N, C-alpha and C. Protein backbone atom coordinates (compact mmCIF):
# COMPACT_ATOMS: atom_id res chain seq x y z
N MET A 1 -58.40 5.18 -94.43
CA MET A 1 -57.15 5.61 -93.84
C MET A 1 -56.03 4.81 -94.50
N SER A 2 -54.96 5.45 -94.89
CA SER A 2 -53.86 4.77 -95.57
C SER A 2 -52.88 4.20 -94.56
N ASP A 3 -52.02 3.28 -95.00
CA ASP A 3 -51.04 2.66 -94.12
C ASP A 3 -50.02 3.67 -93.60
N SER A 4 -49.74 4.72 -94.35
CA SER A 4 -48.73 5.68 -93.93
C SER A 4 -49.20 6.51 -92.74
N SER A 5 -50.50 6.65 -92.53
CA SER A 5 -50.99 7.43 -91.40
C SER A 5 -51.52 6.55 -90.28
N ALA A 6 -51.44 5.23 -90.42
CA ALA A 6 -51.99 4.32 -89.42
C ALA A 6 -51.24 4.42 -88.10
N GLY A 7 -49.95 4.72 -88.09
CA GLY A 7 -49.16 4.77 -86.87
C GLY A 7 -49.10 6.13 -86.24
N THR A 8 -49.86 7.08 -86.74
CA THR A 8 -49.78 8.43 -86.19
C THR A 8 -51.11 8.88 -85.64
N GLU A 9 -51.05 9.77 -84.71
CA GLU A 9 -52.24 10.41 -84.15
C GLU A 9 -51.92 11.89 -84.05
N ALA A 10 -52.73 12.73 -84.58
CA ALA A 10 -52.54 14.18 -84.58
C ALA A 10 -51.21 14.55 -85.24
N GLY A 11 -50.76 13.75 -86.19
CA GLY A 11 -49.56 14.08 -86.94
C GLY A 11 -48.25 13.70 -86.25
N LEU A 12 -48.30 13.06 -85.08
CA LEU A 12 -47.08 12.66 -84.37
C LEU A 12 -46.82 11.17 -84.59
N PRO A 13 -45.58 10.79 -84.82
CA PRO A 13 -45.28 9.35 -84.91
C PRO A 13 -45.59 8.67 -83.58
N ARG A 14 -45.93 7.41 -83.63
CA ARG A 14 -46.33 6.66 -82.44
C ARG A 14 -45.25 6.68 -81.36
N ARG A 15 -43.98 6.58 -81.71
CA ARG A 15 -42.92 6.56 -80.70
C ARG A 15 -42.81 7.90 -79.96
N GLU A 16 -43.21 9.01 -80.54
CA GLU A 16 -43.16 10.32 -79.89
C GLU A 16 -44.27 10.48 -78.85
N GLN A 17 -45.38 9.76 -79.00
CA GLN A 17 -46.50 9.89 -78.08
C GLN A 17 -46.15 9.41 -76.67
N GLY A 18 -45.27 8.43 -76.53
CA GLY A 18 -44.90 7.89 -75.24
C GLY A 18 -44.00 8.81 -74.44
N ARG A 19 -43.47 9.88 -75.00
CA ARG A 19 -42.55 10.77 -74.31
C ARG A 19 -43.24 12.00 -73.74
N ARG A 20 -44.51 12.06 -73.78
CA ARG A 20 -45.23 13.21 -73.24
C ARG A 20 -45.14 13.20 -71.72
N ILE A 21 -45.18 14.38 -71.15
CA ILE A 21 -45.21 14.50 -69.69
C ILE A 21 -46.65 14.31 -69.24
N PRO A 22 -46.88 13.45 -68.25
CA PRO A 22 -48.24 13.27 -67.77
C PRO A 22 -48.79 14.59 -67.22
N PRO A 23 -50.06 14.87 -67.43
CA PRO A 23 -50.63 16.14 -66.97
C PRO A 23 -50.44 16.39 -65.47
N ALA A 24 -50.55 15.37 -64.65
CA ALA A 24 -50.39 15.54 -63.20
C ALA A 24 -48.96 15.98 -62.87
N LEU A 25 -47.97 15.41 -63.54
CA LEU A 25 -46.58 15.78 -63.32
C LEU A 25 -46.33 17.21 -63.80
N GLY A 26 -46.92 17.57 -64.92
CA GLY A 26 -46.80 18.94 -65.42
C GLY A 26 -47.40 19.95 -64.45
N CYS A 27 -48.56 19.62 -63.89
CA CYS A 27 -49.20 20.51 -62.91
C CYS A 27 -48.35 20.65 -61.65
N LEU A 28 -47.80 19.54 -61.16
CA LEU A 28 -46.96 19.60 -59.96
C LEU A 28 -45.69 20.40 -60.22
N GLY A 29 -45.10 20.24 -61.39
CA GLY A 29 -43.91 21.00 -61.75
C GLY A 29 -44.22 22.49 -61.82
N SER A 30 -45.36 22.84 -62.42
CA SER A 30 -45.77 24.25 -62.50
C SER A 30 -46.03 24.82 -61.13
N LEU A 31 -46.66 24.04 -60.26
CA LEU A 31 -46.94 24.49 -58.90
C LEU A 31 -45.64 24.70 -58.13
N ALA A 32 -44.69 23.77 -58.26
CA ALA A 32 -43.40 23.90 -57.57
C ALA A 32 -42.65 25.12 -58.08
N LEU A 33 -42.65 25.36 -59.38
CA LEU A 33 -41.99 26.53 -59.94
C LEU A 33 -42.65 27.81 -59.45
N GLY A 34 -43.97 27.83 -59.39
CA GLY A 34 -44.70 28.99 -58.89
C GLY A 34 -44.38 29.28 -57.42
N LEU A 35 -44.34 28.23 -56.59
CA LEU A 35 -44.01 28.40 -55.18
C LEU A 35 -42.58 28.90 -55.00
N ALA A 36 -41.65 28.40 -55.81
CA ALA A 36 -40.27 28.87 -55.74
C ALA A 36 -40.18 30.35 -56.11
N CYS A 37 -40.94 30.76 -57.11
CA CYS A 37 -40.95 32.18 -57.50
C CYS A 37 -41.54 33.05 -56.40
N VAL A 38 -42.62 32.61 -55.78
CA VAL A 38 -43.23 33.37 -54.68
C VAL A 38 -42.27 33.46 -53.50
N ALA A 39 -41.60 32.36 -53.17
CA ALA A 39 -40.63 32.38 -52.06
C ALA A 39 -39.47 33.32 -52.37
N GLY A 40 -38.98 33.30 -53.60
CA GLY A 40 -37.91 34.21 -53.99
C GLY A 40 -38.35 35.66 -53.92
N PHE A 41 -39.56 35.95 -54.37
CA PHE A 41 -40.10 37.31 -54.31
C PHE A 41 -40.23 37.76 -52.85
N TYR A 42 -40.74 36.87 -51.99
CA TYR A 42 -40.88 37.18 -50.56
C TYR A 42 -39.52 37.48 -49.95
N LEU A 43 -38.52 36.68 -50.29
CA LEU A 43 -37.18 36.87 -49.75
C LEU A 43 -36.61 38.23 -50.17
N VAL A 44 -36.74 38.58 -51.44
CA VAL A 44 -36.21 39.85 -51.93
C VAL A 44 -36.93 41.03 -51.28
N VAL A 45 -38.26 40.97 -51.20
CA VAL A 45 -39.02 42.08 -50.61
C VAL A 45 -38.70 42.21 -49.12
N THR A 46 -38.65 41.09 -48.40
CA THR A 46 -38.35 41.14 -46.96
C THR A 46 -36.94 41.67 -46.71
N LEU A 47 -35.98 41.23 -47.50
CA LEU A 47 -34.62 41.74 -47.35
C LEU A 47 -34.57 43.24 -47.64
N GLY A 48 -35.29 43.67 -48.67
CA GLY A 48 -35.30 45.08 -49.02
C GLY A 48 -35.96 45.96 -47.97
N LEU A 49 -37.05 45.49 -47.38
CA LEU A 49 -37.79 46.30 -46.41
C LEU A 49 -37.24 46.20 -44.99
N GLN A 50 -36.93 44.98 -44.55
CA GLN A 50 -36.50 44.78 -43.16
C GLN A 50 -35.00 44.63 -43.02
N GLY A 51 -34.31 44.31 -44.10
CA GLY A 51 -32.86 44.16 -44.05
C GLY A 51 -32.39 42.79 -43.64
N GLU A 52 -33.31 41.90 -43.19
CA GLU A 52 -32.91 40.55 -42.80
C GLU A 52 -34.08 39.60 -42.84
N VAL A 53 -33.75 38.31 -42.92
CA VAL A 53 -34.73 37.23 -42.83
C VAL A 53 -34.18 36.24 -41.83
N ARG A 54 -35.02 35.85 -40.86
CA ARG A 54 -34.62 34.86 -39.84
C ARG A 54 -35.56 33.66 -39.90
N VAL A 55 -34.97 32.48 -39.87
CA VAL A 55 -35.74 31.24 -39.85
C VAL A 55 -35.31 30.47 -38.61
N PRO A 56 -36.18 30.41 -37.58
CA PRO A 56 -35.80 29.70 -36.36
C PRO A 56 -35.68 28.19 -36.59
N ARG A 57 -34.70 27.60 -35.91
CA ARG A 57 -34.49 26.15 -35.94
C ARG A 57 -34.31 25.69 -34.51
N GLY A 58 -35.39 25.30 -33.88
CA GLY A 58 -35.34 24.90 -32.48
C GLY A 58 -35.33 26.12 -31.58
N GLU A 59 -35.03 25.90 -30.31
CA GLU A 59 -35.01 27.01 -29.34
C GLU A 59 -33.78 27.89 -29.49
N LEU A 60 -32.67 27.30 -29.87
CA LEU A 60 -31.40 28.03 -29.92
C LEU A 60 -30.97 28.43 -31.33
N GLY A 61 -31.19 27.57 -32.27
CA GLY A 61 -30.64 27.77 -33.60
C GLY A 61 -31.50 28.62 -34.50
N GLU A 62 -30.85 29.16 -35.52
CA GLU A 62 -31.56 29.90 -36.54
C GLU A 62 -30.71 30.00 -37.79
N LEU A 63 -31.38 30.25 -38.89
CA LEU A 63 -30.74 30.58 -40.15
C LEU A 63 -31.07 32.04 -40.39
N ARG A 64 -30.06 32.85 -40.67
CA ARG A 64 -30.27 34.29 -40.82
C ARG A 64 -29.57 34.77 -42.08
N LEU A 65 -30.27 35.58 -42.86
CA LEU A 65 -29.74 36.21 -44.06
C LEU A 65 -29.98 37.70 -43.91
N TRP A 66 -28.93 38.52 -44.08
CA TRP A 66 -29.11 39.95 -43.90
C TRP A 66 -28.32 40.74 -44.94
N MET A 67 -28.80 41.96 -45.16
CA MET A 67 -28.15 42.88 -46.09
C MET A 67 -27.04 43.62 -45.35
N ILE A 68 -25.91 43.78 -46.00
CA ILE A 68 -24.81 44.57 -45.46
C ILE A 68 -24.78 45.87 -46.25
N ARG A 69 -25.02 46.98 -45.55
CA ARG A 69 -25.06 48.30 -46.19
C ARG A 69 -24.25 49.28 -45.34
N GLU A 70 -22.98 49.07 -45.31
CA GLU A 70 -22.07 49.94 -44.57
C GLU A 70 -21.21 50.72 -45.55
N PRO A 71 -20.70 51.88 -45.15
CA PRO A 71 -19.81 52.61 -46.06
C PRO A 71 -18.62 51.73 -46.47
N GLY A 72 -18.46 51.54 -47.77
CA GLY A 72 -17.37 50.73 -48.28
C GLY A 72 -17.68 49.25 -48.38
N TYR A 73 -18.84 48.81 -47.89
CA TYR A 73 -19.21 47.40 -47.92
C TYR A 73 -20.67 47.25 -48.32
N GLN A 74 -20.92 46.44 -49.34
CA GLN A 74 -22.27 46.14 -49.79
C GLN A 74 -22.33 44.65 -50.08
N GLY A 75 -23.37 43.99 -49.62
CA GLY A 75 -23.50 42.57 -49.91
C GLY A 75 -24.50 41.89 -49.00
N LEU A 76 -24.30 40.58 -48.85
CA LEU A 76 -25.17 39.74 -48.03
C LEU A 76 -24.33 39.00 -47.00
N GLY A 77 -24.93 38.80 -45.84
CA GLY A 77 -24.34 37.95 -44.81
C GLY A 77 -25.28 36.80 -44.51
N ARG A 78 -24.73 35.65 -44.19
CA ARG A 78 -25.55 34.48 -43.85
C ARG A 78 -24.94 33.81 -42.63
N SER A 79 -25.78 33.52 -41.67
CA SER A 79 -25.30 32.77 -40.51
C SER A 79 -26.24 31.60 -40.25
N SER A 80 -25.66 30.52 -39.79
CA SER A 80 -26.46 29.35 -39.42
C SER A 80 -25.81 28.70 -38.20
N THR A 81 -26.65 28.07 -37.39
CA THR A 81 -26.16 27.41 -36.19
C THR A 81 -26.51 25.93 -36.24
N ARG A 82 -25.67 25.15 -35.59
CA ARG A 82 -25.95 23.71 -35.44
C ARG A 82 -25.41 23.25 -34.10
N VAL A 83 -26.10 22.31 -33.52
CA VAL A 83 -25.68 21.74 -32.24
C VAL A 83 -24.53 20.78 -32.50
N VAL A 84 -23.40 20.99 -31.77
CA VAL A 84 -22.24 20.11 -31.95
C VAL A 84 -21.98 19.25 -30.71
N GLN A 85 -22.62 19.61 -29.60
CA GLN A 85 -22.44 18.83 -28.37
C GLN A 85 -23.68 19.02 -27.51
N GLY A 86 -24.14 17.95 -26.86
CA GLY A 86 -25.34 18.02 -26.04
C GLY A 86 -26.58 18.11 -26.92
N SER A 87 -27.67 18.60 -26.35
CA SER A 87 -28.91 18.76 -27.11
C SER A 87 -29.81 19.76 -26.39
N GLU A 88 -30.74 20.32 -27.12
CA GLU A 88 -31.69 21.25 -26.50
C GLU A 88 -32.54 20.54 -25.46
N ARG A 89 -32.88 19.27 -25.73
CA ARG A 89 -33.71 18.50 -24.81
C ARG A 89 -33.02 18.27 -23.46
N SER A 90 -31.71 18.12 -23.48
CA SER A 90 -30.99 17.84 -22.24
C SER A 90 -30.79 19.09 -21.39
N GLY A 91 -31.01 20.28 -21.98
CA GLY A 91 -30.82 21.52 -21.24
C GLY A 91 -29.40 22.06 -21.30
N ARG A 92 -28.52 21.37 -21.99
CA ARG A 92 -27.14 21.82 -22.20
C ARG A 92 -26.79 21.55 -23.66
N ALA A 93 -26.31 22.60 -24.33
CA ALA A 93 -25.97 22.43 -25.75
C ALA A 93 -24.85 23.39 -26.13
N CYS A 94 -23.98 22.91 -27.00
CA CYS A 94 -22.94 23.75 -27.57
C CYS A 94 -23.28 23.94 -29.05
N LEU A 95 -23.26 25.20 -29.48
CA LEU A 95 -23.66 25.54 -30.84
C LEU A 95 -22.49 26.08 -31.65
N MET A 96 -22.35 25.59 -32.84
CA MET A 96 -21.37 26.10 -33.80
C MET A 96 -22.14 27.08 -34.71
N THR A 97 -21.66 28.31 -34.77
CA THR A 97 -22.27 29.32 -35.64
C THR A 97 -21.32 29.61 -36.78
N SER A 98 -21.80 29.43 -38.00
CA SER A 98 -21.01 29.71 -39.20
C SER A 98 -21.54 30.99 -39.83
N ILE A 99 -20.63 31.93 -40.09
CA ILE A 99 -21.01 33.21 -40.69
C ILE A 99 -20.25 33.36 -41.99
N ARG A 100 -20.99 33.59 -43.07
CA ARG A 100 -20.42 33.72 -44.41
C ARG A 100 -20.84 35.06 -45.00
N PHE A 101 -19.96 35.63 -45.82
CA PHE A 101 -20.23 36.92 -46.44
C PHE A 101 -20.09 36.81 -47.96
N SER A 102 -21.03 37.42 -48.67
CA SER A 102 -20.96 37.55 -50.12
C SER A 102 -21.05 39.04 -50.42
N LEU A 103 -19.91 39.64 -50.70
CA LEU A 103 -19.85 41.09 -50.89
C LEU A 103 -19.61 41.42 -52.36
N TRP A 104 -20.37 42.35 -52.89
CA TRP A 104 -20.12 42.82 -54.25
C TRP A 104 -19.36 44.14 -54.24
N GLU A 105 -19.25 44.76 -53.07
CA GLU A 105 -18.42 45.95 -52.92
C GLU A 105 -17.75 45.86 -51.56
N ALA A 106 -16.42 45.92 -51.54
CA ALA A 106 -15.71 45.83 -50.27
C ALA A 106 -14.38 46.56 -50.37
N GLU A 107 -14.09 47.38 -49.36
CA GLU A 107 -12.80 48.05 -49.32
C GLU A 107 -11.69 47.04 -49.11
N GLU A 108 -11.96 46.03 -48.29
CA GLU A 108 -11.04 44.91 -48.08
C GLU A 108 -11.88 43.69 -47.76
N PRO A 109 -11.38 42.49 -48.05
CA PRO A 109 -12.20 41.28 -47.84
C PRO A 109 -12.52 41.05 -46.36
N ILE A 110 -13.66 40.46 -46.12
CA ILE A 110 -14.07 40.07 -44.76
C ILE A 110 -13.99 38.55 -44.70
N GLU A 111 -13.28 38.05 -43.71
CA GLU A 111 -13.11 36.61 -43.54
C GLU A 111 -14.41 35.98 -43.04
N ASP A 112 -14.71 34.77 -43.52
CA ASP A 112 -15.81 34.00 -42.97
C ASP A 112 -15.43 33.57 -41.56
N LEU A 113 -16.42 33.42 -40.69
CA LEU A 113 -16.17 33.11 -39.28
C LEU A 113 -16.89 31.85 -38.84
N GLU A 114 -16.33 31.20 -37.83
CA GLU A 114 -17.00 30.11 -37.13
C GLU A 114 -16.73 30.31 -35.65
N THR A 115 -17.80 30.30 -34.86
CA THR A 115 -17.66 30.41 -33.42
C THR A 115 -18.42 29.27 -32.77
N CYS A 116 -18.01 28.92 -31.57
CA CYS A 116 -18.70 27.87 -30.83
C CYS A 116 -18.93 28.35 -29.41
N GLU A 117 -20.17 28.24 -28.95
CA GLU A 117 -20.51 28.68 -27.60
C GLU A 117 -21.48 27.67 -26.98
N CYS A 118 -21.32 27.46 -25.68
CA CYS A 118 -22.17 26.53 -24.96
C CYS A 118 -23.23 27.28 -24.16
N TYR A 119 -24.38 26.65 -24.01
CA TYR A 119 -25.52 27.24 -23.31
C TYR A 119 -26.10 26.22 -22.35
N ALA A 120 -26.73 26.73 -21.28
CA ALA A 120 -27.46 25.89 -20.34
C ALA A 120 -28.82 26.53 -20.11
N LYS A 121 -29.82 25.69 -19.96
CA LYS A 121 -31.18 26.18 -19.76
C LYS A 121 -31.45 26.31 -18.28
N GLU A 122 -31.90 27.51 -17.88
CA GLU A 122 -32.27 27.78 -16.49
C GLU A 122 -33.71 28.25 -16.51
N GLY A 123 -34.61 27.37 -16.10
CA GLY A 123 -36.03 27.69 -16.20
C GLY A 123 -36.45 27.68 -17.66
N ASP A 124 -36.95 28.81 -18.13
CA ASP A 124 -37.34 28.93 -19.54
C ASP A 124 -36.30 29.64 -20.38
N GLN A 125 -35.21 30.10 -19.78
CA GLN A 125 -34.21 30.89 -20.47
C GLN A 125 -32.91 30.12 -20.67
N TRP A 126 -32.26 30.39 -21.80
CA TRP A 126 -30.95 29.83 -22.08
C TRP A 126 -29.91 30.88 -21.74
N SER A 127 -28.85 30.48 -21.04
CA SER A 127 -27.79 31.43 -20.72
C SER A 127 -26.44 30.86 -21.19
N SER A 128 -25.56 31.77 -21.59
CA SER A 128 -24.26 31.38 -22.12
C SER A 128 -23.38 30.82 -21.00
N ARG A 129 -22.64 29.77 -21.33
CA ARG A 129 -21.69 29.17 -20.41
C ARG A 129 -20.27 29.29 -20.94
N GLY A 130 -20.06 30.10 -21.96
CA GLY A 130 -18.72 30.31 -22.49
C GLY A 130 -18.47 29.52 -23.77
N GLU A 131 -17.21 29.59 -24.20
CA GLU A 131 -16.81 28.93 -25.42
C GLU A 131 -16.85 27.41 -25.28
N CYS A 132 -16.92 26.74 -26.41
CA CYS A 132 -16.93 25.28 -26.41
C CYS A 132 -15.58 24.76 -25.91
N PRO A 133 -15.58 23.63 -25.22
CA PRO A 133 -14.30 23.05 -24.81
C PRO A 133 -13.51 22.61 -26.04
N ALA A 134 -12.20 22.73 -25.94
CA ALA A 134 -11.33 22.33 -27.05
C ALA A 134 -11.45 20.83 -27.25
N PRO A 135 -11.46 20.38 -28.52
CA PRO A 135 -11.54 18.93 -28.76
C PRO A 135 -10.31 18.23 -28.24
N GLY A 136 -10.53 17.04 -27.73
CA GLY A 136 -9.42 16.25 -27.19
C GLY A 136 -8.49 15.72 -28.27
N PRO A 137 -7.29 15.23 -27.86
CA PRO A 137 -6.33 14.71 -28.85
C PRO A 137 -6.78 13.45 -29.50
């Protein structure tokens, strides 16, 4: 073996060998990419067939994505809720709901919305108690 090939293995300079991705990391990256593709495919098929996807978050909250297919309006709507006062555990909670629209066809723009409503638990059911109290000064 000559001195010129002593620092190489399989034709790569020695400094290039240290930059390889470990096989375990490559497998995990491939698995994560595959799962993301499957989740994206599931989302598209579910939206196409059912028109919406709902992901529950606790007893009251949810994340919702739905198709908008009205005359003059085409696009996606997204709503999410979060507890802003109280808690589900306490039996009293005020929820802020954020609604966003992404329209690719619209006769006129639709404003994004935020609403806040309070709920109280009676037995196993949650019932509305009206709008959230106005924040103090």
